[in-house]
């Protein structure tokens, strides 16, 4: 059985890159975010109260299996701007929600993530005391990708 109490930290990361294929662009964006050598296990968007939130890539063993909330966007349209953001909001007791957005500009996706977090807290009837957002924006040359993630460890 999974022991969620062993997860004590979460890191917000983002990256952007080009690649020879869409999959390589995604892999390269993960590397740019500092999480390309991890096995990502996609989870829903809840931040436990006891988890400490950081920005920047965590130092984890290569090949580690880690829970993650992530969003990515790939494009093969030269000149197109692509962007993604992930953010976390917290209540006074530390409980939090993680939200993602994808679009065409950093400003657009950061604002969308903030709106989503605000709605999630409004629906739960919780006070929102802290919001952190990271984003990536990229102008596609040939095949580009952006990724933003909240990595739990």
C-alpha atoms as a PDB file:
ATOM      1  CA  UNK A   1       0.000   0.000   0.000  1.00  0.00           C
ATOM      2  CA  UNK A   2       1.231   3.497  -0.887  1.00  0.00           C
ATOM      3  CA  UNK A   3       2.205   5.561   2.158  1.00  0.00           C
ATOM      4  CA  UNK A   4       1.480   9.170   1.181  1.00  0.00           C
ATOM      5  CA  UNK A   5       3.144  10.452   4.368  1.00  0.00           C
ATOM      6  CA  UNK A   6       6.527   9.529   2.893  1.00  0.00           C
ATOM      7  CA  UNK A   7       6.052  12.335   0.370  1.00  0.00           C
ATOM      8  CA  UNK A   8       7.215  15.445   2.234  1.00  0.00           C
ATOM      9  CA  UNK A   9       8.163  17.854  -0.567  1.00  0.00           C
ATOM     10  CA  UNK A  10       6.930  19.099  -3.911  1.00  0.00           C
ATOM     11  CA  UNK A  11       8.796  21.098  -6.532  1.00  0.00           C
ATOM     12  CA  UNK A  12       7.367  23.375  -9.231  1.00  0.00           C
ATOM     13  CA  UNK A  13       9.417  23.151 -12.447  1.00  0.00           C
ATOM     14  CA  UNK A  14       9.131  24.148 -16.095  1.00  0.00           C
ATOM     15  CA  UNK A  15      11.117  23.747 -19.282  1.00  0.00           C
ATOM     16  CA  UNK A  16      11.065  24.268 -23.040  1.00  0.00           C
ATOM     17  CA  UNK A  17      12.964  22.654 -25.882  1.00  0.00           C
ATOM     18  CA  UNK A  18      13.101  21.644 -29.514  1.00  0.00           C
ATOM     19  CA  UNK A  19      13.418  18.054 -30.738  1.00  0.00           C
ATOM     20  CA  UNK A  20      13.602  16.016 -33.914  1.00  0.00           C
ATOM     21  CA  UNK A  21      10.176  14.511 -33.165  1.00  0.00           C
ATOM     22  CA  UNK A  22       7.303  15.440 -30.880  1.00  0.00           C
ATOM     23  CA  UNK A  23       8.372  12.759 -28.387  1.00  0.00           C
ATOM     24  CA  UNK A  24      11.983  13.963 -28.452  1.00  0.00           C
ATOM     25  CA  UNK A  25      10.827  17.558 -27.957  1.00  0.00           C
ATOM     26  CA  UNK A  26       8.802  16.423 -24.928  1.00  0.00           C
ATOM     27  CA  UNK A  27      11.771  14.473 -23.545  1.00  0.00           C
ATOM     28  CA  UNK A  28      14.058  17.471 -24.092  1.00  0.00           C
ATOM     29  CA  UNK A  29      11.591  19.814 -22.355  1.00  0.00           C
ATOM     30  CA  UNK A  30      11.508  17.424 -19.376  1.00  0.00           C
ATOM     31  CA  UNK A  31      15.318  17.505 -19.329  1.00  0.00           C
ATOM     32  CA  UNK A  32      15.234  21.315 -19.462  1.00  0.00           C
ATOM     33  CA  UNK A  33      12.873  21.266 -16.460  1.00  0.00           C
ATOM     34  CA  UNK A  34      15.290  18.999 -14.584  1.00  0.00           C
ATOM     35  CA  UNK A  35      12.984  15.964 -14.482  1.00  0.00           C
ATOM     36  CA  UNK A  36      13.881  14.152 -17.701  1.00  0.00           C
ATOM     37  CA  UNK A  37      15.563  11.212 -16.000  1.00  0.00           C
ATOM     38  CA  UNK A  38      12.622  10.395 -13.717  1.00  0.00           C
ATOM     39  CA  UNK A  39       9.655   8.066 -14.215  1.00  0.00           C
ATOM     40  CA  UNK A  40       6.639  10.330 -13.881  1.00  0.00           C
ATOM     41  CA  UNK A  41       3.468   8.908 -12.348  1.00  0.00           C
ATOM     42  CA  UNK A  42       0.597  11.270 -13.147  1.00  0.00           C
ATOM     43  CA  UNK A  43      -1.608  12.085 -10.165  1.00  0.00           C
ATOM     44  CA  UNK A  44      -4.565  14.365  -9.555  1.00  0.00           C
ATOM     45  CA  UNK A  45      -4.180  17.876  -8.281  1.00  0.00           C
ATOM     46  CA  UNK A  46      -4.166  17.781  -4.478  1.00  0.00           C
ATOM     47  CA  UNK A  47      -1.294  19.100  -2.342  1.00  0.00           C
ATOM     48  CA  UNK A  48      -1.286  17.473   1.119  1.00  0.00           C
ATOM     49  CA  UNK A  49      -0.963  19.883   4.072  1.00  0.00           C
ATOM     50  CA  UNK A  50       2.313  18.396   5.323  1.00  0.00           C
ATOM     51  CA  UNK A  51       4.141  18.751   1.972  1.00  0.00           C
ATOM     52  CA  UNK A  52       6.690  21.583   1.702  1.00  0.00           C
ATOM     53  CA  UNK A  53       6.605  23.412  -1.662  1.00  0.00           C
ATOM     54  CA  UNK A  54       9.764  24.484  -3.518  1.00  0.00           C
ATOM     55  CA  UNK A  55      10.627  25.904  -6.920  1.00  0.00           C
ATOM     56  CA  UNK A  56      13.332  24.230  -8.981  1.00  0.00           C
ATOM     57  CA  UNK A  57      14.247  20.690  -9.917  1.00  0.00           C
ATOM     58  CA  UNK A  58      14.590  18.194  -7.069  1.00  0.00           C
ATOM     59  CA  UNK A  59      17.729  16.102  -6.715  1.00  0.00           C
ATOM     60  CA  UNK A  60      16.421  12.577  -7.095  1.00  0.00           C
ATOM     61  CA  UNK A  61      18.054   9.340  -8.258  1.00  0.00           C
ATOM     62  CA  UNK A  62      17.884   8.714 -11.998  1.00  0.00           C
ATOM     63  CA  UNK A  63      15.016   6.365 -12.788  1.00  0.00           C
ATOM     64  CA  UNK A  64      13.086   7.149  -9.591  1.00  0.00           C
ATOM     65  CA  UNK A  65       9.316   6.739  -9.783  1.00  0.00           C
ATOM     66  CA  UNK A  66       7.726  10.013  -8.658  1.00  0.00           C
ATOM     67  CA  UNK A  67       4.140  11.298  -8.492  1.00  0.00           C
ATOM     68  CA  UNK A  68       3.647  14.390 -10.634  1.00  0.00           C
ATOM     69  CA  UNK A  69       0.991  16.793 -11.859  1.00  0.00           C
ATOM     70  CA  UNK A  70       2.085  18.059 -15.269  1.00  0.00           C
ATOM     71  CA  UNK A  71       0.963  19.785 -18.423  1.00  0.00           C
ATOM     72  CA  UNK A  72       2.701  19.869 -21.781  1.00  0.00           C
ATOM     73  CA  UNK A  73       2.141  21.367 -25.201  1.00  0.00           C
ATOM     74  CA  UNK A  74       3.865  20.344 -28.425  1.00  0.00           C
ATOM     75  CA  UNK A  75       3.805  22.109 -31.773  1.00  0.00           C
ATOM     76  CA  UNK A  76       5.317  21.543 -35.193  1.00  0.00           C
ATOM     77  CA  UNK A  77       4.229  24.935 -36.544  1.00  0.00           C
ATOM     78  CA  UNK A  78       7.331  27.123 -37.046  1.00  0.00           C
ATOM     79  CA  UNK A  79       6.908  30.538 -35.444  1.00  0.00           C
ATOM     80  CA  UNK A  80       4.036  29.491 -33.179  1.00  0.00           C
ATOM     81  CA  UNK A  81       4.379  30.478 -29.530  1.00  0.00           C
ATOM     82  CA  UNK A  82       3.359  27.806 -27.042  1.00  0.00           C
ATOM     83  CA  UNK A  83       3.099  28.098 -23.272  1.00  0.00           C
ATOM     84  CA  UNK A  84       2.130  26.088 -20.196  1.00  0.00           C
ATOM     85  CA  UNK A  85       1.895  26.801 -16.485  1.00  0.00           C
ATOM     86  CA  UNK A  86       1.360  24.897 -13.282  1.00  0.00           C
ATOM     87  CA  UNK A  87       0.554  26.462  -9.944  1.00  0.00           C
ATOM     88  CA  UNK A  88      -0.257  25.560  -6.383  1.00  0.00           C
ATOM     89  CA  UNK A  89      -2.524  27.348  -3.949  1.00  0.00           C
ATOM     90  CA  UNK A  90      -2.659  26.732  -0.204  1.00  0.00           C
ATOM     91  CA  UNK A  91      -5.107  27.305   2.617  1.00  0.00           C
ATOM     92  CA  UNK A  92      -4.056  28.402   6.129  1.00  0.00           C
ATOM     93  CA  UNK A  93      -3.757  24.768   7.298  1.00  0.00           C
ATOM     94  CA  UNK A  94      -1.439  23.932   4.364  1.00  0.00           C
ATOM     95  CA  UNK A  95      -3.936  21.954   2.261  1.00  0.00           C
ATOM     96  CA  UNK A  96      -3.509  22.812  -1.383  1.00  0.00           C
ATOM     97  CA  UNK A  97      -4.637  22.379  -4.946  1.00  0.00           C
ATOM     98  CA  UNK A  98      -2.441  22.182  -8.050  1.00  0.00           C
ATOM     99  CA  UNK A  99      -3.783  23.452 -11.387  1.00  0.00           C
ATOM    100  CA  UNK A 100      -2.421  23.517 -14.932  1.00  0.00           C
ATOM    101  CA  UNK A 101      -3.015  25.501 -18.123  1.00  0.00           C
ATOM    102  CA  UNK A 102      -1.895  25.410 -21.745  1.00  0.00           C
ATOM    103  CA  UNK A 103      -2.020  28.210 -24.305  1.00  0.00           C
ATOM    104  CA  UNK A 104      -0.059  30.649 -26.440  1.00  0.00           C
ATOM    105  CA  UNK A 105       1.613  33.008 -23.946  1.00  0.00           C
ATOM    106  CA  UNK A 106       3.119  32.929 -20.480  1.00  0.00           C
ATOM    107  CA  UNK A 107       0.853  35.753 -19.323  1.00  0.00           C
ATOM    108  CA  UNK A 108      -2.258  33.915 -20.558  1.00  0.00           C
ATOM    109  CA  UNK A 109      -1.452  30.573 -18.906  1.00  0.00           C
ATOM    110  CA  UNK A 110      -0.272  32.077 -15.612  1.00  0.00           C
ATOM    111  CA  UNK A 111      -3.543  34.039 -15.326  1.00  0.00           C
ATOM    112  CA  UNK A 112      -5.590  30.940 -16.209  1.00  0.00           C
ATOM    113  CA  UNK A 113      -3.852  28.859 -13.523  1.00  0.00           C
ATOM    114  CA  UNK A 114      -4.537  31.542 -10.915  1.00  0.00           C
ATOM    115  CA  UNK A 115      -8.235  31.632 -11.911  1.00  0.00           C
ATOM    116  CA  UNK A 116      -8.479  27.846 -11.668  1.00  0.00           C
ATOM    117  CA  UNK A 117      -6.871  27.831  -8.217  1.00  0.00           C
ATOM    118  CA  UNK A 118      -9.209  30.588  -7.024  1.00  0.00           C
ATOM    119  CA  UNK A 119     -12.247  28.643  -8.259  1.00  0.00           C
ATOM    120  CA  UNK A 120     -11.059  25.395  -6.637  1.00  0.00           C
ATOM    121  CA  UNK A 121     -10.775  27.191  -3.303  1.00  0.00           C
ATOM    122  CA  UNK A 122     -14.098  28.979  -3.720  1.00  0.00           C
ATOM    123  CA  UNK A 123     -15.887  25.670  -4.426  1.00  0.00           C
ATOM    124  CA  UNK A 124     -14.252  24.078  -1.356  1.00  0.00           C
ATOM    125  CA  UNK A 125     -15.114  27.167   0.736  1.00  0.00           C
ATOM    126  CA  UNK A 126     -11.462  27.529   1.767  1.00  0.00           C
ATOM    127  CA  UNK A 127      -9.344  30.621   2.288  1.00  0.00           C
ATOM    128  CA  UNK A 128      -6.498  31.022  -0.177  1.00  0.00           C
ATOM    129  CA  UNK A 129      -3.345  32.368   1.465  1.00  0.00           C
ATOM    130  CA  UNK A 130      -0.530  31.446  -0.946  1.00  0.00           C
ATOM    131  CA  UNK A 131      -0.293  30.950  -4.706  1.00  0.00           C
ATOM    132  CA  UNK A 132       2.848  29.976  -6.616  1.00  0.00           C
ATOM    133  CA  UNK A 133       3.008  29.566 -10.388  1.00  0.00           C
ATOM    134  CA  UNK A 134       5.748  28.494 -12.809  1.00  0.00           C
ATOM    135  CA  UNK A 135       5.462  28.701 -16.585  1.00  0.00           C
ATOM    136  CA  UNK A 136       7.345  28.017 -19.791  1.00  0.00           C
ATOM    137  CA  UNK A 137       6.962  29.787 -23.132  1.00  0.00           C
ATOM    138  CA  UNK A 138       8.645  28.836 -26.403  1.00  0.00           C
ATOM    139  CA  UNK A 139       8.640  30.022 -30.011  1.00  0.00           C
ATOM    140  CA  UNK A 140       8.699  26.905 -32.184  1.00  0.00           C
ATOM    141  CA  UNK A 141      11.535  26.562 -34.677  1.00  0.00           C
ATOM    142  CA  UNK A 142      10.684  23.114 -36.082  1.00  0.00           C
ATOM    143  CA  UNK A 143       9.236  20.893 -33.347  1.00  0.00           C
ATOM    144  CA  UNK A 144       8.947  22.424 -29.898  1.00  0.00           C
ATOM    145  CA  UNK A 145       7.539  21.501 -26.513  1.00  0.00           C
ATOM    146  CA  UNK A 146       6.889  23.213 -23.200  1.00  0.00           C
ATOM    147  CA  UNK A 147       6.240  21.447 -19.919  1.00  0.00           C
ATOM    148  CA  UNK A 148       5.384  22.559 -16.374  1.00  0.00           C
ATOM    149  CA  UNK A 149       5.073  20.221 -13.416  1.00  0.00           C
ATOM    150  CA  UNK A 150       4.595  19.793  -9.692  1.00  0.00           C
ATOM    151  CA  UNK A 151       6.820  16.880  -8.659  1.00  0.00           C
ATOM    152  CA  UNK A 152       6.126  15.150  -5.337  1.00  0.00           C
ATOM    153  CA  UNK A 153       8.994  13.491  -3.465  1.00  0.00           C
END
